[in-house]
C-alpha atoms as a PDB file:
ATOM      1  CA  UNK A   1     -17.371-109.845   1.974  1.00  0.00           C
ATOM      2  CA  UNK A   2     -17.142-110.339   5.917  1.00  0.00           C
ATOM      3  CA  UNK A   3     -15.069-113.867   6.698  1.00  0.00           C
ATOM      4  CA  UNK A   4     -14.799-115.859  10.639  1.00  0.00           C
ATOM      5  CA  UNK A   5     -11.952-117.868  11.126  1.00  0.00           C
ATOM      6  CA  UNK A   6     -11.701-119.861  15.160  1.00  0.00           C
ATOM      7  CA  UNK A   7      -8.728-121.648  14.587  1.00  0.00           C
ATOM      8  CA  UNK A   8      -8.477-124.228  16.772  1.00  0.00           C
ATOM      9  CA  UNK A   9      -6.428-127.482  18.235  1.00  0.00           C
ATOM     10  CA  UNK A  10      -7.824-130.236  18.646  1.00  0.00           C
ATOM     11  CA  UNK A  11      -6.583-134.126  19.991  1.00  0.00           C
ATOM     12  CA  UNK A  12      -7.508-136.948  16.946  1.00  0.00           C
ATOM     13  CA  UNK A  13      -9.946-138.949  19.196  1.00  0.00           C
ATOM     14  CA  UNK A  14     -12.133-135.153  19.185  1.00  0.00           C
ATOM     15  CA  UNK A  15     -11.622-134.471  15.379  1.00  0.00           C
ATOM     16  CA  UNK A  16     -15.292-136.749  14.891  1.00  0.00           C
ATOM     17  CA  UNK A  17     -16.854-134.818  17.400  1.00  0.00           C
ATOM     18  CA  UNK A  18     -15.409-131.838  16.192  1.00  0.00           C
ATOM     19  CA  UNK A  19     -16.954-132.180  12.765  1.00  0.00           C
ATOM     20  CA  UNK A  20     -19.909-133.139  13.444  1.00  0.00           C
ATOM     21  CA  UNK A  21     -20.453-130.096  15.990  1.00  0.00           C
ATOM     22  CA  UNK A  22     -19.191-127.509  13.053  1.00  0.00           C
ATOM     23  CA  UNK A  23     -21.777-129.386  10.606  1.00  0.00           C
ATOM     24  CA  UNK A  24     -24.660-128.508  13.945  1.00  0.00           C
ATOM     25  CA  UNK A  25     -22.836-124.891  13.878  1.00  0.00           C
ATOM     26  CA  UNK A  26     -23.588-124.803   9.817  1.00  0.00           C
ATOM     27  CA  UNK A  27     -26.681-125.951   9.559  1.00  0.00           C
ATOM     28  CA  UNK A  28     -27.516-122.471  11.799  1.00  0.00           C
ATOM     29  CA  UNK A  29     -25.976-120.450   9.983  1.00  0.00           C
ATOM     30  CA  UNK A  30     -27.298-121.959   6.580  1.00  0.00           C
ATOM     31  CA  UNK A  31     -30.971-120.450   7.593  1.00  0.00           C
ATOM     32  CA  UNK A  32     -29.133-116.916   8.397  1.00  0.00           C
ATOM     33  CA  UNK A  33     -29.638-113.833   6.598  1.00  0.00           C
ATOM     34  CA  UNK A  34     -26.708-112.764   5.045  1.00  0.00           C
ATOM     35  CA  UNK A  35     -24.895-116.182   5.686  1.00  0.00           C
ATOM     36  CA  UNK A  36     -22.692-117.288   2.432  1.00  0.00           C
ATOM     37  CA  UNK A  37     -20.799-120.305   3.269  1.00  0.00           C
ATOM     38  CA  UNK A  38     -19.085-123.054   6.248  1.00  0.00           C
ATOM     39  CA  UNK A  39     -15.785-124.482   5.108  1.00  0.00           C
ATOM     40  CA  UNK A  40     -13.385-126.826   7.823  1.00  0.00           C
ATOM     41  CA  UNK A  41     -10.081-126.801   7.300  1.00  0.00           C
ATOM     42  CA  UNK A  42      -6.926-128.605   8.191  1.00  0.00           C
ATOM     43  CA  UNK A  43      -3.874-126.710   8.871  1.00  0.00           C
ATOM     44  CA  UNK A  44      -0.960-128.630   6.636  1.00  0.00           C
ATOM     45  CA  UNK A  45       1.950-128.175   8.572  1.00  0.00           C
ATOM     46  CA  UNK A  46       0.398-127.767  12.273  1.00  0.00           C
ATOM     47  CA  UNK A  47      -0.223-130.994  13.989  1.00  0.00           C
ATOM     48  CA  UNK A  48      -4.379-131.139  15.192  1.00  0.00           C
ATOM     49  CA  UNK A  49      -5.152-127.975  14.107  1.00  0.00           C
ATOM     50  CA  UNK A  50      -8.299-126.954  12.840  1.00  0.00           C
ATOM     51  CA  UNK A  51      -9.900-123.641  11.789  1.00  0.00           C
ATOM     52  CA  UNK A  52     -13.589-123.225  10.677  1.00  0.00           C
ATOM     53  CA  UNK A  53     -14.417-120.577   8.276  1.00  0.00           C
ATOM     54  CA  UNK A  54     -17.609-118.621   7.822  1.00  0.00           C
ATOM     55  CA  UNK A  55     -18.531-116.495   4.754  1.00  0.00           C
ATOM     56  CA  UNK A  56     -20.741-113.694   5.651  1.00  0.00           C
ATOM     57  CA  UNK A  57     -22.465-111.055   3.476  1.00  0.00           C
ATOM     58  CA  UNK A  58     -21.870-108.936   5.878  1.00  0.00           C
ATOM     59  CA  UNK A  59     -20.370-107.902   9.621  1.00  0.00           C
ATOM     60  CA  UNK A  60     -23.595-107.610  11.083  1.00  0.00           C
ATOM     61  CA  UNK A  61     -25.657-110.308  10.103  1.00  0.00           C
ATOM     62  CA  UNK A  62     -22.807-112.103  11.370  1.00  0.00           C
ATOM     63  CA  UNK A  63     -22.693-110.290  14.553  1.00  0.00           C
ATOM     64  CA  UNK A  64     -26.574-111.150  14.587  1.00  0.00           C
ATOM     65  CA  UNK A  65     -26.283-114.908  14.476  1.00  0.00           C
ATOM     66  CA  UNK A  66     -23.874-114.872  17.315  1.00  0.00           C
ATOM     67  CA  UNK A  67     -25.997-112.566  19.598  1.00  0.00           C
ATOM     68  CA  UNK A  68     -28.628-115.011  19.071  1.00  0.00           C
ATOM     69  CA  UNK A  69     -27.509-118.476  18.999  1.00  0.00           C
ATOM     70  CA  UNK A  70     -23.353-118.772  19.716  1.00  0.00           C
ATOM     71  CA  UNK A  71     -23.872-119.418  23.440  1.00  0.00           C
ATOM     72  CA  UNK A  72     -26.734-122.426  22.818  1.00  0.00           C
ATOM     73  CA  UNK A  73     -25.069-123.910  20.568  1.00  0.00           C
ATOM     74  CA  UNK A  74     -21.348-123.643  22.363  1.00  0.00           C
ATOM     75  CA  UNK A  75     -23.506-125.343  25.041  1.00  0.00           C
ATOM     76  CA  UNK A  76     -24.376-127.973  22.282  1.00  0.00           C
ATOM     77  CA  UNK A  77     -20.826-128.613  21.018  1.00  0.00           C
ATOM     78  CA  UNK A  78     -19.423-132.312  22.454  1.00  0.00           C
ATOM     79  CA  UNK A  79     -16.231-132.013  21.134  1.00  0.00           C
ATOM     80  CA  UNK A  80     -13.416-131.105  23.782  1.00  0.00           C
ATOM     81  CA  UNK A  81     -11.504-128.206  21.671  1.00  0.00           C
ATOM     82  CA  UNK A  82      -8.806-125.785  22.419  1.00  0.00           C
ATOM     83  CA  UNK A  83      -9.130-122.342  20.442  1.00  0.00           C
ATOM     84  CA  UNK A  84      -6.082-120.772  19.688  1.00  0.00           C
ATOM     85  CA  UNK A  85      -7.573-117.919  17.794  1.00  0.00           C
ATOM     86  CA  UNK A  86      -9.976-116.139  15.834  1.00  0.00           C
ATOM     87  CA  UNK A  87      -9.695-113.477  13.413  1.00  0.00           C
ATOM     88  CA  UNK A  88     -11.775-111.592  11.551  1.00  0.00           C
ATOM     89  CA  UNK A  89     -11.541-110.801   7.581  1.00  0.00           C
ATOM     90  CA  UNK A  90     -12.414-108.194   5.634  1.00  0.00           C
ATOM     91  CA  UNK A  91     -12.216-109.344   1.496  1.00  0.00           C
ATOM     92  CA  UNK A  92     -10.731-106.426  -0.355  1.00  0.00           C
ATOM     93  CA  UNK A  93     -10.117-108.649  -3.619  1.00  0.00           C
ATOM     94  CA  UNK A  94     -11.520-111.494  -5.415  1.00  0.00           C
ATOM     95  CA  UNK A  95     -10.530-113.085  -8.085  1.00  0.00           C
ATOM     96  CA  UNK A  96     -11.764-116.286  -8.999  1.00  0.00           C
ATOM     97  CA  UNK A  97     -11.181-119.032 -11.741  1.00  0.00           C
ATOM     98  CA  UNK A  98     -14.710-121.021 -10.968  1.00  0.00           C
ATOM     99  CA  UNK A  99     -18.040-119.473 -10.705  1.00  0.00           C
ATOM    100  CA  UNK A 100     -20.030-119.064  -7.526  1.00  0.00           C
ATOM    101  CA  UNK A 101     -16.585-118.714  -5.525  1.00  0.00           C
END
């Protein structure tokens, strides 16, 4: 599994817009081949930090989505955010208590 994480700093007045934008992005990823899951996360212990987390079956599917939609979706997004970092992760082990995770 390939996991793409974008860490943002977002002022409180922009959080609702960010969440709306995130769901817009997720609605397009949901239709894309290889998409597994999306999560919006709030970072504990850090003020105004949030992460958008995308899970894909393969990096190639993520890359295809990004080439097709990234710039267009950035243009449609309304929240003012500061990107703190991008993280691309490859799952190597998994143990879950719940089925489907």
